[in-house]
Amino acid sequence: MSRLHAYGLETTLRRCGLTVVNARVAGCCAEVPHPADTVTCKAREDDGGRAWFFTSWGEPIAEADRIVDAALIVATTLGTPTEHGCAGE
């Protein structure tokens, strides 16, 4: 079980990245039934080319060696309650 699964998120590894879905929350519309994002790992040029996780819209999440931090950020972004409270608090 991954850290993302511990938050109740579903994951699918695809060629373009790791797609993460929060199937427990309704999405914004019929085209997006649940909050989701595809996370990629690539070099961050403004950090000396070190590997970082990024959202599908190109926002940096965390350094690639900060897996727990990245999972928490993805979980809260997708509206998943964490042990520290509910997302968005």
N, C-alpha and C. Protein backbone atom coordinates (compact mmCIF):
# COMPACT_ATOMS: atom_id res chain seq x y z
N MET A 1 0.85 -1.18 0.00
CA MET A 1 0.00 0.00 0.00
C MET A 1 0.89 1.24 0.00
N SER A 2 0.58 2.16 -0.86
CA SER A 2 1.35 3.40 -0.94
C SER A 2 0.77 4.44 0.02
N ARG A 3 1.51 5.49 0.22
CA ARG A 3 1.06 6.60 1.06
C ARG A 3 -0.23 7.20 0.50
N LEU A 4 -0.34 7.29 -0.81
CA LEU A 4 -1.55 7.84 -1.41
C LEU A 4 -2.75 6.94 -1.15
N HIS A 5 -2.56 5.62 -1.18
CA HIS A 5 -3.65 4.70 -0.86
C HIS A 5 -4.06 4.84 0.60
N ALA A 6 -3.11 5.13 1.48
CA ALA A 6 -3.42 5.33 2.89
C ALA A 6 -4.37 6.51 3.09
N TYR A 7 -4.32 7.47 2.18
CA TYR A 7 -5.24 8.61 2.22
C TYR A 7 -6.56 8.31 1.52
N GLY A 8 -6.74 7.07 1.03
CA GLY A 8 -7.97 6.70 0.36
C GLY A 8 -8.02 7.08 -1.11
N LEU A 9 -6.88 7.40 -1.68
CA LEU A 9 -6.83 7.80 -3.08
C LEU A 9 -6.57 6.60 -3.98
N GLU A 10 -7.06 6.67 -5.20
CA GLU A 10 -6.82 5.63 -6.19
C GLU A 10 -5.70 6.10 -7.11
N THR A 11 -4.83 5.19 -7.50
CA THR A 11 -3.72 5.57 -8.39
C THR A 11 -3.64 4.64 -9.58
N THR A 12 -3.20 5.21 -10.70
CA THR A 12 -2.95 4.45 -11.91
C THR A 12 -1.67 4.97 -12.53
N LEU A 13 -0.69 4.09 -12.68
CA LEU A 13 0.56 4.48 -13.32
C LEU A 13 0.37 4.43 -14.83
N ARG A 14 0.59 5.55 -15.46
CA ARG A 14 0.43 5.67 -16.91
C ARG A 14 1.75 6.14 -17.52
N ARG A 15 1.82 6.06 -18.80
CA ARG A 15 3.02 6.50 -19.52
C ARG A 15 3.33 7.98 -19.23
N CYS A 16 2.30 8.80 -19.06
CA CYS A 16 2.48 10.24 -18.86
C CYS A 16 2.69 10.63 -17.39
N GLY A 17 2.54 9.69 -16.46
CA GLY A 17 2.73 9.99 -15.04
C GLY A 17 1.82 9.15 -14.17
N LEU A 18 1.73 9.52 -12.91
CA LEU A 18 0.88 8.81 -11.95
C LEU A 18 -0.42 9.58 -11.79
N THR A 19 -1.52 8.98 -12.23
CA THR A 19 -2.83 9.62 -12.09
C THR A 19 -3.40 9.25 -10.73
N VAL A 20 -3.81 10.28 -9.99
CA VAL A 20 -4.33 10.12 -8.64
C VAL A 20 -5.76 10.65 -8.61
N VAL A 21 -6.70 9.84 -8.09
CA VAL A 21 -8.12 10.19 -8.08
C VAL A 21 -8.66 10.06 -6.67
N ASN A 22 -9.46 11.05 -6.26
CA ASN A 22 -10.18 10.96 -4.99
C ASN A 22 -11.63 10.61 -5.32
N ALA A 23 -11.93 9.32 -5.41
CA ALA A 23 -13.25 8.86 -5.79
C ALA A 23 -14.30 9.07 -4.70
N ARG A 24 -13.87 9.50 -3.51
CA ARG A 24 -14.80 9.72 -2.41
C ARG A 24 -15.44 11.10 -2.42
N VAL A 25 -14.97 11.96 -3.34
CA VAL A 25 -15.45 13.34 -3.41
C VAL A 25 -15.99 13.60 -4.80
N ALA A 26 -17.08 14.35 -4.88
CA ALA A 26 -17.64 14.69 -6.18
C ALA A 26 -16.77 15.73 -6.87
N GLY A 27 -16.68 15.61 -8.18
CA GLY A 27 -15.93 16.58 -8.97
C GLY A 27 -16.75 17.81 -9.25
N CYS A 28 -16.24 18.62 -10.14
CA CYS A 28 -16.88 19.90 -10.42
C CYS A 28 -18.03 19.80 -11.41
N CYS A 29 -18.02 18.75 -12.25
CA CYS A 29 -18.99 18.71 -13.33
C CYS A 29 -19.06 17.29 -13.91
N ALA A 30 -19.91 17.09 -14.89
CA ALA A 30 -20.06 15.76 -15.49
C ALA A 30 -18.77 15.27 -16.14
N GLU A 31 -18.00 16.19 -16.72
CA GLU A 31 -16.75 15.81 -17.37
C GLU A 31 -15.65 15.44 -16.37
N VAL A 32 -15.78 15.92 -15.14
CA VAL A 32 -14.79 15.64 -14.08
C VAL A 32 -15.55 15.09 -12.87
N PRO A 33 -15.86 13.78 -12.88
CA PRO A 33 -16.70 13.22 -11.82
C PRO A 33 -16.04 13.20 -10.43
N HIS A 34 -14.70 13.22 -10.40
CA HIS A 34 -13.96 13.20 -9.13
C HIS A 34 -12.70 14.04 -9.27
N PRO A 35 -12.26 14.68 -8.17
CA PRO A 35 -10.99 15.41 -8.24
C PRO A 35 -9.86 14.45 -8.60
N ALA A 36 -8.99 14.88 -9.51
CA ALA A 36 -7.89 14.03 -9.96
C ALA A 36 -6.75 14.90 -10.46
N ASP A 37 -5.58 14.32 -10.50
CA ASP A 37 -4.41 14.98 -11.08
C ASP A 37 -3.43 13.92 -11.55
N THR A 38 -2.60 14.28 -12.50
CA THR A 38 -1.53 13.40 -12.96
C THR A 38 -0.21 14.01 -12.52
N VAL A 39 0.50 13.29 -11.68
CA VAL A 39 1.77 13.75 -11.11
C VAL A 39 2.92 13.21 -11.96
N THR A 40 3.85 14.09 -12.27
CA THR A 40 5.05 13.69 -13.01
C THR A 40 6.28 14.02 -12.18
N CYS A 41 7.40 13.43 -12.58
CA CYS A 41 8.68 13.72 -11.95
C CYS A 41 9.64 14.16 -13.05
N LYS A 42 10.20 15.35 -12.87
CA LYS A 42 11.14 15.86 -13.87
C LYS A 42 12.09 16.86 -13.22
N ALA A 43 13.08 17.25 -13.98
CA ALA A 43 14.07 18.21 -13.48
C ALA A 43 13.42 19.58 -13.30
N ARG A 44 13.76 20.22 -12.18
CA ARG A 44 13.29 21.59 -11.94
C ARG A 44 14.46 22.52 -12.21
N GLU A 45 14.37 23.23 -13.31
CA GLU A 45 15.48 24.05 -13.79
C GLU A 45 15.88 25.13 -12.79
N ASP A 46 14.91 25.74 -12.08
CA ASP A 46 15.26 26.80 -11.13
C ASP A 46 15.77 26.25 -9.80
N ASP A 47 15.97 24.92 -9.73
CA ASP A 47 16.56 24.29 -8.54
C ASP A 47 17.77 23.44 -8.96
N GLY A 48 18.52 23.92 -9.90
CA GLY A 48 19.73 23.24 -10.33
C GLY A 48 19.50 21.94 -11.06
N GLY A 49 18.30 21.75 -11.61
CA GLY A 49 18.00 20.53 -12.35
C GLY A 49 17.69 19.33 -11.49
N ARG A 50 17.47 19.55 -10.17
CA ARG A 50 17.13 18.42 -9.29
C ARG A 50 15.72 17.92 -9.61
N ALA A 51 15.50 16.64 -9.33
CA ALA A 51 14.21 16.01 -9.63
C ALA A 51 13.13 16.47 -8.65
N TRP A 52 12.00 16.84 -9.20
CA TRP A 52 10.83 17.28 -8.43
C TRP A 52 9.58 16.60 -8.97
N PHE A 53 8.56 16.48 -8.11
CA PHE A 53 7.23 16.08 -8.55
C PHE A 53 6.48 17.36 -8.95
N PHE A 54 5.68 17.24 -10.03
CA PHE A 54 4.90 18.37 -10.54
C PHE A 54 3.45 17.95 -10.76
N THR A 55 2.54 18.92 -10.63
CA THR A 55 1.13 18.69 -10.96
C THR A 55 0.98 18.69 -12.48
N SER A 56 -0.20 18.32 -12.94
CA SER A 56 -0.46 18.30 -14.39
C SER A 56 -0.47 19.71 -14.98
N TRP A 57 -0.65 20.72 -14.16
CA TRP A 57 -0.63 22.09 -14.66
C TRP A 57 0.73 22.76 -14.46
N GLY A 58 1.76 21.93 -14.11
CA GLY A 58 3.14 22.41 -14.06
C GLY A 58 3.60 23.03 -12.76
N GLU A 59 2.78 22.95 -11.72
CA GLU A 59 3.16 23.49 -10.42
C GLU A 59 4.04 22.48 -9.68
N PRO A 60 5.16 22.94 -9.08
CA PRO A 60 5.99 22.03 -8.31
C PRO A 60 5.28 21.58 -7.03
N ILE A 61 5.44 20.30 -6.69
CA ILE A 61 4.81 19.75 -5.48
C ILE A 61 5.86 19.62 -4.39
N ALA A 62 6.91 18.85 -4.66
CA ALA A 62 7.98 18.63 -3.68
C ALA A 62 9.15 17.97 -4.39
N GLU A 63 10.32 18.05 -3.77
CA GLU A 63 11.48 17.35 -4.32
C GLU A 63 11.19 15.85 -4.37
N ALA A 64 11.76 15.17 -5.34
CA ALA A 64 11.48 13.75 -5.55
C ALA A 64 11.86 12.88 -4.37
N ASP A 65 12.79 13.31 -3.54
CA ASP A 65 13.15 12.52 -2.36
C ASP A 65 12.26 12.82 -1.16
N ARG A 66 11.26 13.69 -1.33
CA ARG A 66 10.31 14.06 -0.27
C ARG A 66 8.95 13.43 -0.57
N ILE A 67 8.93 12.11 -0.65
CA ILE A 67 7.74 11.38 -1.07
C ILE A 67 6.57 11.57 -0.11
N VAL A 68 6.82 11.53 1.17
CA VAL A 68 5.74 11.70 2.15
C VAL A 68 5.14 13.10 2.04
N ASP A 69 6.00 14.11 1.91
CA ASP A 69 5.50 15.48 1.74
C ASP A 69 4.68 15.61 0.47
N ALA A 70 5.17 15.02 -0.61
CA ALA A 70 4.45 15.09 -1.88
C ALA A 70 3.08 14.42 -1.77
N ALA A 71 3.02 13.27 -1.12
CA ALA A 71 1.74 12.56 -0.96
C ALA A 71 0.75 13.39 -0.16
N LEU A 72 1.21 14.03 0.90
CA LEU A 72 0.33 14.87 1.72
C LEU A 72 -0.20 16.05 0.91
N ILE A 73 0.67 16.67 0.14
CA ILE A 73 0.25 17.81 -0.68
C ILE A 73 -0.77 17.38 -1.74
N VAL A 74 -0.52 16.27 -2.40
CA VAL A 74 -1.47 15.77 -3.40
C VAL A 74 -2.81 15.43 -2.73
N ALA A 75 -2.75 14.76 -1.59
CA ALA A 75 -3.98 14.38 -0.88
C ALA A 75 -4.80 15.60 -0.49
N THR A 76 -4.18 16.61 0.07
CA THR A 76 -4.93 17.80 0.47
C THR A 76 -5.43 18.58 -0.75
N THR A 77 -4.65 18.60 -1.82
CA THR A 77 -5.09 19.27 -3.04
C THR A 77 -6.35 18.62 -3.61
N LEU A 78 -6.44 17.30 -3.48
CA LEU A 78 -7.61 16.58 -4.00
C LEU A 78 -8.73 16.46 -2.98
N GLY A 79 -8.62 17.18 -1.86
CA GLY A 79 -9.72 17.24 -0.90
C GLY A 79 -9.84 16.08 0.05
N THR A 80 -8.73 15.38 0.30
CA THR A 80 -8.75 14.23 1.20
C THR A 80 -8.47 14.66 2.63
N PRO A 81 -9.32 14.27 3.58
CA PRO A 81 -9.00 14.55 4.98
C PRO A 81 -7.72 13.82 5.38
N THR A 82 -6.90 14.47 6.18
CA THR A 82 -5.67 13.86 6.69
C THR A 82 -5.76 13.80 8.21
N GLU A 83 -4.78 13.18 8.83
CA GLU A 83 -4.81 13.07 10.30
C GLU A 83 -4.69 14.43 10.98
N HIS A 84 -4.28 15.45 10.23
CA HIS A 84 -4.12 16.79 10.80
C HIS A 84 -5.36 17.65 10.61
N GLY A 85 -6.42 17.07 10.12
CA GLY A 85 -7.64 17.83 9.88
C GLY A 85 -8.11 17.61 8.47
N CYS A 86 -9.13 18.34 8.09
CA CYS A 86 -9.67 18.21 6.74
C CYS A 86 -8.92 19.07 5.77
N ALA A 87 -8.91 18.66 4.55
CA ALA A 87 -8.25 19.45 3.50
C ALA A 87 -8.90 20.80 3.42
N GLY A 88 -8.09 21.80 3.16
CA GLY A 88 -8.60 23.15 3.02
C GLY A 88 -8.73 23.91 4.32
N GLU A 89 -8.41 23.30 5.43
CA GLU A 89 -8.51 24.02 6.71
C GLU A 89 -7.30 24.88 6.91
